[in-house]
Amino acid sequence: MFSRLAYGIDERGIALETKDKSISNETTFKEDATDRETIEATYKRLIDKVGRRVRKAGFFATTVHLKLRWSDFSTITRQTRLSIPSQDDITLREAGMALLHEHLRNCPVRLIGFGVSGLGETDEPQTAQLNLFDDPDTALHKKRNRLSRAADGIKQRFGDQSLRRGSAIKTKDPDK
């Protein structure tokens, strides 16, 4: 067998299936972004997009990632672990925005990205040992998952603009 392989003769089939290890999206601004509101709105859209992809693939994530590239092209990546494997937009947003607020400086941003890893097909923690005193609110967790999946269904049926977050709507300042 090894001699045949050494000559490049191999009748075995090609395995094309691989398991996803992470899911992410990033965007490069046309011009360096200095407005914090624009940076945050872009990041929230990335989080929601990744959340839809995670749910569509049937995964739950245990880690969220932030990627920031500044105008001088220096780049940082940061990550945090989720207490419960999640796929819902609310949990992903909370963790992602906490990372962004912790690491966003008052420098122009060239690129921003969000991703998840530690993908599994269940929302059960990957470690078997649970803390005796922590009672994760699994009912809330499950409601958030159902809400996110329902929102995905509405957007799929009626288009991405059919359902938007209030935070994404710009209002006119009455003082101006």
N, C-alpha and C. Protein backbone atom coordinates (compact mmCIF):
# COMPACT_ATOMS: atom_id res chain seq x y z
N MET A 1 0.82 -1.19 0.00
CA MET A 1 0.00 0.00 0.00
C MET A 1 0.87 1.26 0.00
N PHE A 2 1.90 1.29 0.87
CA PHE A 2 2.73 2.49 0.97
C PHE A 2 3.53 2.73 -0.30
N SER A 3 3.93 1.66 -0.95
CA SER A 3 4.69 1.84 -2.19
C SER A 3 3.80 2.45 -3.27
N ARG A 4 2.53 2.06 -3.31
CA ARG A 4 1.59 2.64 -4.29
C ARG A 4 1.37 4.13 -3.99
N LEU A 5 1.21 4.46 -2.71
CA LEU A 5 1.03 5.87 -2.33
C LEU A 5 2.27 6.69 -2.66
N ALA A 6 3.45 6.10 -2.50
CA ALA A 6 4.69 6.81 -2.81
C ALA A 6 4.76 7.17 -4.29
N TYR A 7 4.13 6.36 -5.14
CA TYR A 7 4.10 6.64 -6.58
C TYR A 7 2.87 7.46 -6.99
N GLY A 8 2.11 7.93 -6.00
CA GLY A 8 0.95 8.77 -6.30
C GLY A 8 -0.28 7.99 -6.71
N ILE A 9 -0.31 6.72 -6.40
CA ILE A 9 -1.46 5.89 -6.76
C ILE A 9 -2.30 5.71 -5.50
N ASP A 10 -3.52 6.24 -5.54
CA ASP A 10 -4.39 6.19 -4.36
C ASP A 10 -5.84 6.13 -4.83
N GLU A 11 -6.49 5.00 -4.58
CA GLU A 11 -7.88 4.82 -5.01
C GLU A 11 -8.89 5.29 -3.97
N ARG A 12 -8.41 5.78 -2.84
CA ARG A 12 -9.35 6.24 -1.82
C ARG A 12 -10.12 7.46 -2.30
N GLY A 13 -11.37 7.58 -1.85
CA GLY A 13 -12.19 8.72 -2.21
C GLY A 13 -11.71 9.99 -1.51
N ILE A 14 -12.14 11.11 -2.03
CA ILE A 14 -11.78 12.40 -1.45
C ILE A 14 -12.86 12.81 -0.46
N ALA A 15 -12.46 13.12 0.73
CA ALA A 15 -13.41 13.57 1.76
C ALA A 15 -13.47 15.10 1.72
N LEU A 16 -14.61 15.64 1.32
CA LEU A 16 -14.76 17.08 1.18
C LEU A 16 -15.39 17.74 2.40
N GLU A 17 -16.00 16.95 3.26
CA GLU A 17 -16.66 17.54 4.42
C GLU A 17 -15.67 17.86 5.52
N THR A 18 -15.75 19.08 6.01
CA THR A 18 -14.95 19.48 7.17
C THR A 18 -15.88 20.17 8.15
N LYS A 19 -15.54 20.12 9.40
CA LYS A 19 -16.35 20.77 10.41
C LYS A 19 -15.90 22.21 10.57
N ASP A 20 -16.88 23.11 10.67
CA ASP A 20 -16.56 24.50 10.91
C ASP A 20 -15.96 24.66 12.30
N LYS A 21 -14.88 25.43 12.39
CA LYS A 21 -14.25 25.70 13.67
C LYS A 21 -14.62 27.08 14.18
N SER A 22 -14.98 27.96 13.25
CA SER A 22 -15.38 29.31 13.63
C SER A 22 -16.24 29.90 12.52
N ILE A 23 -16.98 30.94 12.88
CA ILE A 23 -17.79 31.69 11.93
C ILE A 23 -17.54 33.16 12.23
N SER A 24 -17.24 33.94 11.19
CA SER A 24 -16.95 35.35 11.42
C SER A 24 -17.31 36.19 10.21
N ASN A 25 -17.40 37.48 10.44
CA ASN A 25 -17.58 38.47 9.39
C ASN A 25 -16.80 39.71 9.80
N GLU A 26 -16.27 40.39 8.80
CA GLU A 26 -15.58 41.65 9.07
C GLU A 26 -15.84 42.59 7.92
N THR A 27 -15.61 43.86 8.16
CA THR A 27 -15.79 44.86 7.12
C THR A 27 -14.68 45.89 7.22
N THR A 28 -14.24 46.34 6.06
CA THR A 28 -13.25 47.40 5.97
C THR A 28 -13.99 48.67 5.54
N PHE A 29 -13.81 49.73 6.30
CA PHE A 29 -14.46 50.99 5.98
C PHE A 29 -13.80 51.61 4.74
N LYS A 30 -14.59 52.28 3.91
CA LYS A 30 -14.04 52.96 2.73
C LYS A 30 -13.04 54.03 3.15
N GLU A 31 -13.40 54.72 4.22
CA GLU A 31 -12.50 55.70 4.83
C GLU A 31 -12.43 55.35 6.31
N ASP A 32 -11.30 55.66 6.93
CA ASP A 32 -11.16 55.36 8.35
C ASP A 32 -12.31 55.96 9.13
N ALA A 33 -12.94 55.15 9.97
CA ALA A 33 -14.11 55.58 10.74
C ALA A 33 -13.66 56.18 12.07
N THR A 34 -14.16 57.36 12.36
CA THR A 34 -13.85 58.01 13.63
C THR A 34 -15.09 58.18 14.50
N ASP A 35 -16.26 58.09 13.88
CA ASP A 35 -17.51 58.26 14.60
C ASP A 35 -17.87 56.97 15.34
N ARG A 36 -17.90 57.04 16.66
CA ARG A 36 -18.17 55.85 17.49
C ARG A 36 -19.52 55.23 17.16
N GLU A 37 -20.51 56.05 16.86
CA GLU A 37 -21.84 55.56 16.53
C GLU A 37 -21.82 54.70 15.26
N THR A 38 -21.07 55.14 14.26
CA THR A 38 -20.94 54.39 13.01
C THR A 38 -20.22 53.07 13.25
N ILE A 39 -19.16 53.11 14.04
CA ILE A 39 -18.39 51.90 14.35
C ILE A 39 -19.28 50.89 15.08
N GLU A 40 -20.02 51.36 16.08
CA GLU A 40 -20.88 50.46 16.86
C GLU A 40 -22.00 49.89 16.00
N ALA A 41 -22.62 50.72 15.15
CA ALA A 41 -23.72 50.23 14.29
C ALA A 41 -23.21 49.17 13.33
N THR A 42 -22.03 49.39 12.76
CA THR A 42 -21.43 48.41 11.85
C THR A 42 -21.15 47.11 12.58
N TYR A 43 -20.61 47.22 13.78
CA TYR A 43 -20.28 46.04 14.58
C TYR A 43 -21.54 45.25 14.95
N LYS A 44 -22.61 45.95 15.31
CA LYS A 44 -23.86 45.28 15.64
C LYS A 44 -24.41 44.50 14.45
N ARG A 45 -24.31 45.09 13.25
CA ARG A 45 -24.76 44.38 12.04
C ARG A 45 -23.92 43.12 11.81
N LEU A 46 -22.62 43.21 12.06
CA LEU A 46 -21.76 42.04 11.92
C LEU A 46 -22.15 40.95 12.91
N ILE A 47 -22.42 41.35 14.15
CA ILE A 47 -22.83 40.38 15.18
C ILE A 47 -24.11 39.68 14.76
N ASP A 48 -25.09 40.45 14.30
CA ASP A 48 -26.36 39.85 13.88
C ASP A 48 -26.16 38.91 12.69
N LYS A 49 -25.30 39.28 11.77
CA LYS A 49 -25.04 38.44 10.60
C LYS A 49 -24.39 37.12 11.02
N VAL A 50 -23.42 37.20 11.91
CA VAL A 50 -22.77 35.98 12.41
C VAL A 50 -23.79 35.13 13.17
N GLY A 51 -24.64 35.76 13.97
CA GLY A 51 -25.67 35.03 14.71
C GLY A 51 -26.58 34.25 13.78
N ARG A 52 -27.01 34.87 12.67
CA ARG A 52 -27.86 34.18 11.70
C ARG A 52 -27.13 32.97 11.10
N ARG A 53 -25.85 33.16 10.79
CA ARG A 53 -25.08 32.07 10.20
C ARG A 53 -24.90 30.92 11.20
N VAL A 54 -24.69 31.25 12.46
CA VAL A 54 -24.53 30.23 13.50
C VAL A 54 -25.81 29.42 13.65
N ARG A 55 -26.95 30.13 13.71
CA ARG A 55 -28.24 29.43 13.85
C ARG A 55 -28.55 28.60 12.62
N LYS A 56 -28.27 29.13 11.44
CA LYS A 56 -28.53 28.39 10.20
C LYS A 56 -27.72 27.09 10.15
N ALA A 57 -26.50 27.14 10.66
CA ALA A 57 -25.65 25.94 10.68
C ALA A 57 -25.99 25.01 11.83
N GLY A 58 -26.84 25.48 12.76
CA GLY A 58 -27.25 24.64 13.88
C GLY A 58 -26.23 24.55 15.00
N PHE A 59 -25.37 25.57 15.11
CA PHE A 59 -24.32 25.55 16.12
C PHE A 59 -24.65 26.45 17.31
N PHE A 60 -23.93 26.21 18.39
CA PHE A 60 -23.90 27.08 19.56
C PHE A 60 -22.44 27.45 19.78
N ALA A 61 -22.17 28.71 20.08
CA ALA A 61 -20.79 29.18 20.24
C ALA A 61 -20.44 29.32 21.71
N THR A 62 -19.18 29.08 22.02
CA THR A 62 -18.71 29.24 23.40
C THR A 62 -17.77 30.44 23.56
N THR A 63 -17.27 30.99 22.45
CA THR A 63 -16.32 32.09 22.50
C THR A 63 -16.67 33.12 21.44
N VAL A 64 -16.58 34.41 21.79
CA VAL A 64 -16.78 35.48 20.82
C VAL A 64 -15.47 36.23 20.63
N HIS A 65 -15.27 36.75 19.42
CA HIS A 65 -14.02 37.40 19.04
C HIS A 65 -14.28 38.79 18.48
N LEU A 66 -13.39 39.69 18.78
CA LEU A 66 -13.38 41.05 18.23
C LEU A 66 -12.09 41.24 17.46
N LYS A 67 -12.18 41.85 16.29
CA LYS A 67 -10.99 42.21 15.53
C LYS A 67 -11.09 43.69 15.19
N LEU A 68 -10.06 44.44 15.51
CA LEU A 68 -9.99 45.87 15.19
C LEU A 68 -8.68 46.16 14.48
N ARG A 69 -8.76 46.88 13.38
CA ARG A 69 -7.56 47.37 12.70
C ARG A 69 -7.63 48.88 12.67
N TRP A 70 -6.60 49.50 13.17
CA TRP A 70 -6.55 50.96 13.26
C TRP A 70 -6.05 51.54 11.93
N SER A 71 -6.09 52.86 11.81
CA SER A 71 -5.69 53.53 10.58
C SER A 71 -4.22 53.30 10.24
N ASP A 72 -3.38 53.02 11.25
CA ASP A 72 -1.96 52.74 10.99
C ASP A 72 -1.72 51.26 10.67
N PHE A 73 -2.81 50.51 10.49
CA PHE A 73 -2.82 49.09 10.13
C PHE A 73 -2.36 48.16 11.25
N SER A 74 -2.18 48.68 12.46
CA SER A 74 -1.95 47.78 13.58
C SER A 74 -3.30 47.12 13.90
N THR A 75 -3.25 45.86 14.28
CA THR A 75 -4.47 45.07 14.45
C THR A 75 -4.45 44.38 15.80
N ILE A 76 -5.62 44.38 16.45
CA ILE A 76 -5.76 43.61 17.69
C ILE A 76 -6.91 42.63 17.52
N THR A 77 -6.81 41.50 18.17
CA THR A 77 -7.91 40.56 18.28
C THR A 77 -8.07 40.24 19.75
N ARG A 78 -9.30 40.21 20.20
CA ARG A 78 -9.61 39.89 21.58
C ARG A 78 -10.76 38.91 21.60
N GLN A 79 -10.83 38.12 22.64
CA GLN A 79 -11.92 37.15 22.75
C GLN A 79 -12.34 37.02 24.19
N THR A 80 -13.57 36.55 24.36
CA THR A 80 -14.07 36.24 25.69
C THR A 80 -14.93 34.99 25.59
N ARG A 81 -14.98 34.27 26.67
CA ARG A 81 -15.73 33.02 26.72
C ARG A 81 -17.13 33.30 27.26
N LEU A 82 -18.12 32.67 26.68
CA LEU A 82 -19.50 32.78 27.13
C LEU A 82 -19.75 31.80 28.27
N SER A 83 -20.58 32.19 29.22
CA SER A 83 -20.86 31.29 30.35
C SER A 83 -21.71 30.10 29.91
N ILE A 84 -22.57 30.30 28.92
CA ILE A 84 -23.42 29.24 28.38
C ILE A 84 -23.26 29.27 26.86
N PRO A 85 -23.04 28.14 26.20
CA PRO A 85 -22.98 28.15 24.74
C PRO A 85 -24.24 28.79 24.17
N SER A 86 -24.07 29.72 23.24
CA SER A 86 -25.20 30.51 22.75
C SER A 86 -25.19 30.65 21.24
N GLN A 87 -26.37 30.97 20.73
CA GLN A 87 -26.54 31.28 19.32
C GLN A 87 -27.48 32.47 19.14
N ASP A 88 -27.97 33.03 20.24
CA ASP A 88 -28.95 34.11 20.12
C ASP A 88 -28.27 35.47 20.00
N ASP A 89 -28.94 36.37 19.29
CA ASP A 89 -28.40 37.70 19.03
C ASP A 89 -28.16 38.50 20.31
N ILE A 90 -29.03 38.38 21.28
CA ILE A 90 -28.91 39.18 22.49
C ILE A 90 -27.63 38.83 23.25
N THR A 91 -27.39 37.56 23.47
CA THR A 91 -26.19 37.13 24.18
C THR A 91 -24.93 37.48 23.39
N LEU A 92 -24.95 37.23 22.08
CA LEU A 92 -23.79 37.55 21.26
C LEU A 92 -23.52 39.05 21.26
N ARG A 93 -24.58 39.85 21.20
CA ARG A 93 -24.41 41.31 21.23
C ARG A 93 -23.85 41.79 22.56
N GLU A 94 -24.38 41.25 23.65
CA GLU A 94 -23.90 41.67 24.97
C GLU A 94 -22.40 41.40 25.11
N ALA A 95 -21.98 40.20 24.73
CA ALA A 95 -20.57 39.84 24.85
C ALA A 95 -19.71 40.63 23.86
N GLY A 96 -20.18 40.75 22.64
CA GLY A 96 -19.43 41.47 21.62
C GLY A 96 -19.28 42.95 21.93
N MET A 97 -20.35 43.58 22.38
CA MET A 97 -20.29 45.01 22.70
C MET A 97 -19.42 45.26 23.92
N ALA A 98 -19.43 44.35 24.88
CA ALA A 98 -18.55 44.50 26.04
C ALA A 98 -17.09 44.48 25.59
N LEU A 99 -16.75 43.58 24.67
CA LEU A 99 -15.39 43.54 24.14
C LEU A 99 -15.05 44.83 23.41
N LEU A 100 -15.97 45.31 22.59
CA LEU A 100 -15.72 46.53 21.82
C LEU A 100 -15.51 47.72 22.76
N HIS A 101 -16.38 47.89 23.73
CA HIS A 101 -16.25 49.03 24.64
C HIS A 101 -14.96 48.97 25.45
N GLU A 102 -14.51 47.78 25.72
CA GLU A 102 -13.27 47.63 26.50
C GLU A 102 -12.03 47.98 25.68
N HIS A 103 -12.07 47.74 24.36
CA HIS A 103 -10.86 47.86 23.56
C HIS A 103 -10.89 48.95 22.49
N LEU A 104 -12.01 49.62 22.30
CA LEU A 104 -12.09 50.69 21.29
C LEU A 104 -11.41 51.94 21.83
N ARG A 105 -10.46 52.43 21.07
CA ARG A 105 -9.73 53.64 21.46
C ARG A 105 -10.24 54.81 20.64
N ASN A 106 -9.77 55.97 20.97
CA ASN A 106 -10.12 57.18 20.22
C ASN A 106 -9.17 57.34 19.04
N CYS A 107 -9.09 56.32 18.21
CA CYS A 107 -8.26 56.32 17.01
C CYS A 107 -9.15 55.91 15.83
N PRO A 108 -8.85 56.39 14.64
CA PRO A 108 -9.63 55.98 13.48
C PRO A 108 -9.54 54.47 13.25
N VAL A 109 -10.69 53.86 12.95
CA VAL A 109 -10.78 52.42 12.73
C VAL A 109 -10.85 52.15 11.23
N ARG A 110 -10.01 51.25 10.77
CA ARG A 110 -9.99 50.87 9.36
C ARG A 110 -10.85 49.64 9.09
N LEU A 111 -10.81 48.67 10.02
CA LEU A 111 -11.52 47.40 9.85
C LEU A 111 -12.06 46.97 11.19
N ILE A 112 -13.25 46.36 11.15
CA ILE A 112 -13.82 45.79 12.36
C ILE A 112 -14.40 44.43 12.02
N GLY A 113 -14.26 43.49 12.95
CA GLY A 113 -14.76 42.15 12.70
C GLY A 113 -15.29 41.50 13.96
N PHE A 114 -16.20 40.58 13.76
CA PHE A 114 -16.79 39.81 14.87
C PHE A 114 -16.82 38.35 14.45
N GLY A 115 -16.53 37.48 15.40
CA GLY A 115 -16.58 36.06 15.11
C GLY A 115 -16.88 35.24 16.35
N VAL A 116 -17.21 33.99 16.13
CA VAL A 116 -17.46 33.05 17.22
C VAL A 116 -16.68 31.78 16.94
N SER A 117 -16.35 31.07 18.01
CA SER A 117 -15.68 29.79 17.87
C SER A 117 -16.13 28.88 19.01
N GLY A 118 -15.50 27.73 19.11
CA GLY A 118 -15.94 26.75 20.10
C GLY A 118 -17.32 26.25 19.74
N LEU A 119 -17.53 25.95 18.46
CA LEU A 119 -18.85 25.60 17.96
C LEU A 119 -19.22 24.17 18.32
N GLY A 120 -20.44 24.02 18.80
CA GLY A 120 -20.98 22.71 19.10
C GLY A 120 -22.43 22.65 18.66
N GLU A 121 -22.98 21.46 18.63
CA GLU A 121 -24.35 21.29 18.17
C GLU A 121 -25.35 21.25 19.30
N THR A 122 -24.92 21.59 20.49
CA THR A 122 -25.81 21.61 21.65
C THR A 122 -25.49 22.84 22.48
N ASP A 123 -26.48 23.27 23.27
CA ASP A 123 -26.24 24.41 24.16
C ASP A 123 -25.78 23.96 25.54
N GLU A 124 -25.49 22.66 25.66
CA GLU A 124 -24.95 22.16 26.93
C GLU A 124 -23.48 22.55 27.02
N PRO A 125 -23.03 22.97 28.19
CA PRO A 125 -21.61 23.31 28.33
C PRO A 125 -20.73 22.12 27.95
N GLN A 126 -19.58 22.41 27.34
CA GLN A 126 -18.70 21.34 26.89
C GLN A 126 -17.94 20.72 28.05
N THR A 127 -17.89 21.40 29.18
CA THR A 127 -17.28 20.81 30.36
C THR A 127 -18.38 20.16 31.16
N ALA A 128 -18.14 18.99 31.66
CA ALA A 128 -19.18 18.23 32.34
C ALA A 128 -19.47 18.75 33.74
N GLN A 129 -18.49 19.40 34.39
CA GLN A 129 -18.67 19.83 35.77
C GLN A 129 -19.35 21.19 35.83
N LEU A 130 -20.42 21.28 36.59
CA LEU A 130 -21.13 22.54 36.77
C LEU A 130 -20.83 23.10 38.14
N ASN A 131 -20.90 24.42 38.25
CA ASN A 131 -20.69 25.06 39.54
C ASN A 131 -21.92 24.84 40.40
N LEU A 132 -21.72 24.45 41.64
CA LEU A 132 -22.81 24.14 42.55
C LEU A 132 -23.68 25.37 42.84
N PHE A 133 -23.09 26.56 42.87
CA PHE A 133 -23.81 27.76 43.30
C PHE A 133 -24.35 28.61 42.16
N ASP A 134 -23.89 28.41 40.93
CA ASP A 134 -24.40 29.17 39.81
C ASP A 134 -25.61 28.46 39.21
N ASP A 135 -26.69 29.18 39.06
CA ASP A 135 -27.88 28.62 38.45
C ASP A 135 -28.13 29.38 37.15
N PRO A 136 -27.57 28.93 36.02
CA PRO A 136 -27.77 29.67 34.78
C PRO A 136 -29.26 29.70 34.42
N ASP A 137 -29.70 30.84 34.00
CA ASP A 137 -31.11 31.01 33.69
C ASP A 137 -31.38 30.39 32.32
N THR A 138 -31.57 29.09 32.30
CA THR A 138 -31.74 28.38 31.04
C THR A 138 -33.05 28.73 30.35
N ALA A 139 -34.07 29.09 31.11
CA ALA A 139 -35.34 29.48 30.48
C ALA A 139 -35.15 30.75 29.65
N LEU A 140 -34.45 31.73 30.21
CA LEU A 140 -34.17 32.97 29.47
C LEU A 140 -33.32 32.65 28.24
N HIS A 141 -32.34 31.81 28.41
CA HIS A 141 -31.45 31.41 27.33
C HIS A 141 -32.27 30.80 26.18
N LYS A 142 -33.19 29.90 26.50
CA LYS A 142 -34.01 29.26 25.48
C LYS A 142 -34.98 30.24 24.81
N LYS A 143 -35.52 31.18 25.59
CA LYS A 143 -36.40 32.20 25.01
C LYS A 143 -35.64 33.07 24.02
N ARG A 144 -34.42 33.44 24.38
CA ARG A 144 -33.60 34.26 23.48
C ARG A 144 -33.30 33.50 22.18
N ASN A 145 -33.04 32.22 22.27
CA ASN A 145 -32.79 31.42 21.07
C ASN A 145 -34.02 31.37 20.19
N ARG A 146 -35.20 31.15 20.80
CA ARG A 146 -36.45 31.11 20.01
C ARG A 146 -36.73 32.46 19.37
N LEU A 147 -36.49 33.54 20.09
CA LEU A 147 -36.71 34.89 19.55
C LEU A 147 -35.81 35.13 18.35
N SER A 148 -34.54 34.78 18.47
CA SER A 148 -33.60 34.99 17.36
C SER A 148 -33.98 34.16 16.14
N ARG A 149 -34.40 32.92 16.35
CA ARG A 149 -34.82 32.08 15.23
C ARG A 149 -36.09 32.61 14.58
N ALA A 150 -37.02 33.15 15.38
CA ALA A 150 -38.25 33.74 14.83
C ALA A 150 -37.91 34.97 13.98
N ALA A 151 -36.99 35.79 14.46
CA ALA A 151 -36.57 36.97 13.69
C ALA A 151 -35.91 36.55 12.38
N ASP A 152 -35.12 35.47 12.42
CA ASP A 152 -34.51 34.95 11.19
C ASP A 152 -35.58 34.54 10.18
N GLY A 153 -36.63 33.89 10.67
CA GLY A 153 -37.71 33.45 9.79
C GLY A 153 -38.43 34.62 9.14
N ILE A 154 -38.68 35.69 9.91
CA ILE A 154 -39.33 36.88 9.36
C ILE A 154 -38.46 37.51 8.29
N LYS A 155 -37.17 37.65 8.57
CA LYS A 155 -36.26 38.26 7.60
C LYS A 155 -36.12 37.42 6.35
N GLN A 156 -36.12 36.10 6.52
CA GLN A 156 -36.01 35.23 5.35
C GLN A 156 -37.26 35.33 4.48
N ARG A 157 -38.41 35.44 5.11
CA ARG A 157 -39.67 35.48 4.34
C ARG A 157 -39.94 36.85 3.72
N PHE A 158 -39.65 37.92 4.49
CA PHE A 158 -40.04 39.26 4.04
C PHE A 158 -38.87 40.17 3.70
N GLY A 159 -37.64 39.68 3.82
CA GLY A 159 -36.47 40.48 3.48
C GLY A 159 -35.78 41.02 4.73
N ASP A 160 -34.49 41.33 4.58
CA ASP A 160 -33.69 41.79 5.71
C ASP A 160 -34.18 43.08 6.34
N GLN A 161 -34.82 43.94 5.54
CA GLN A 161 -35.28 45.23 6.07
C GLN A 161 -36.65 45.15 6.73
N SER A 162 -37.27 43.96 6.73
CA SER A 162 -38.60 43.82 7.31
C SER A 162 -38.60 43.90 8.82
N LEU A 163 -37.48 43.66 9.43
CA LEU A 163 -37.38 43.67 10.88
C LEU A 163 -36.04 44.32 11.24
N ARG A 164 -36.11 45.44 11.95
CA ARG A 164 -34.88 46.13 12.34
C ARG A 164 -34.94 46.50 13.80
N ARG A 165 -33.77 46.64 14.37
CA ARG A 165 -33.68 47.05 15.77
C ARG A 165 -33.90 48.55 15.89
N GLY A 166 -34.51 48.95 16.98
CA GLY A 166 -34.71 50.38 17.22
C GLY A 166 -33.40 51.14 17.29
N SER A 167 -32.37 50.49 17.78
CA SER A 167 -31.07 51.15 17.89
C SER A 167 -30.46 51.44 16.53
N ALA A 168 -30.95 50.80 15.48
CA ALA A 168 -30.42 51.01 14.14
C ALA A 168 -31.10 52.18 13.42
N ILE A 169 -32.16 52.71 14.02
CA ILE A 169 -32.91 53.80 13.39
C ILE A 169 -32.34 55.12 13.88
N LYS A 170 -31.93 55.94 12.92
CA LYS A 170 -31.39 57.26 13.27
C LYS A 170 -32.55 58.24 13.37
N THR A 171 -32.56 58.99 14.44
CA THR A 171 -33.61 59.99 14.65
C THR A 171 -33.00 61.37 14.52
N LYS A 172 -33.82 62.32 14.17
CA LYS A 172 -33.36 63.70 14.10
C LYS A 172 -33.28 64.27 15.50
N ASP A 173 -32.23 65.03 15.74
CA ASP A 173 -32.03 65.67 17.03
C ASP A 173 -32.94 66.89 17.09
N PRO A 174 -33.90 66.96 18.04
CA PRO A 174 -34.83 68.09 18.09
C PRO A 174 -34.15 69.40 18.45
N ASP A 175 -32.95 69.35 18.99
CA ASP A 175 -32.25 70.57 19.37
C ASP A 175 -31.52 71.22 18.21
N LYS A 176 -31.47 70.56 17.08
CA LYS A 176 -30.72 71.11 15.93
C LYS A 176 -31.65 71.75 14.95
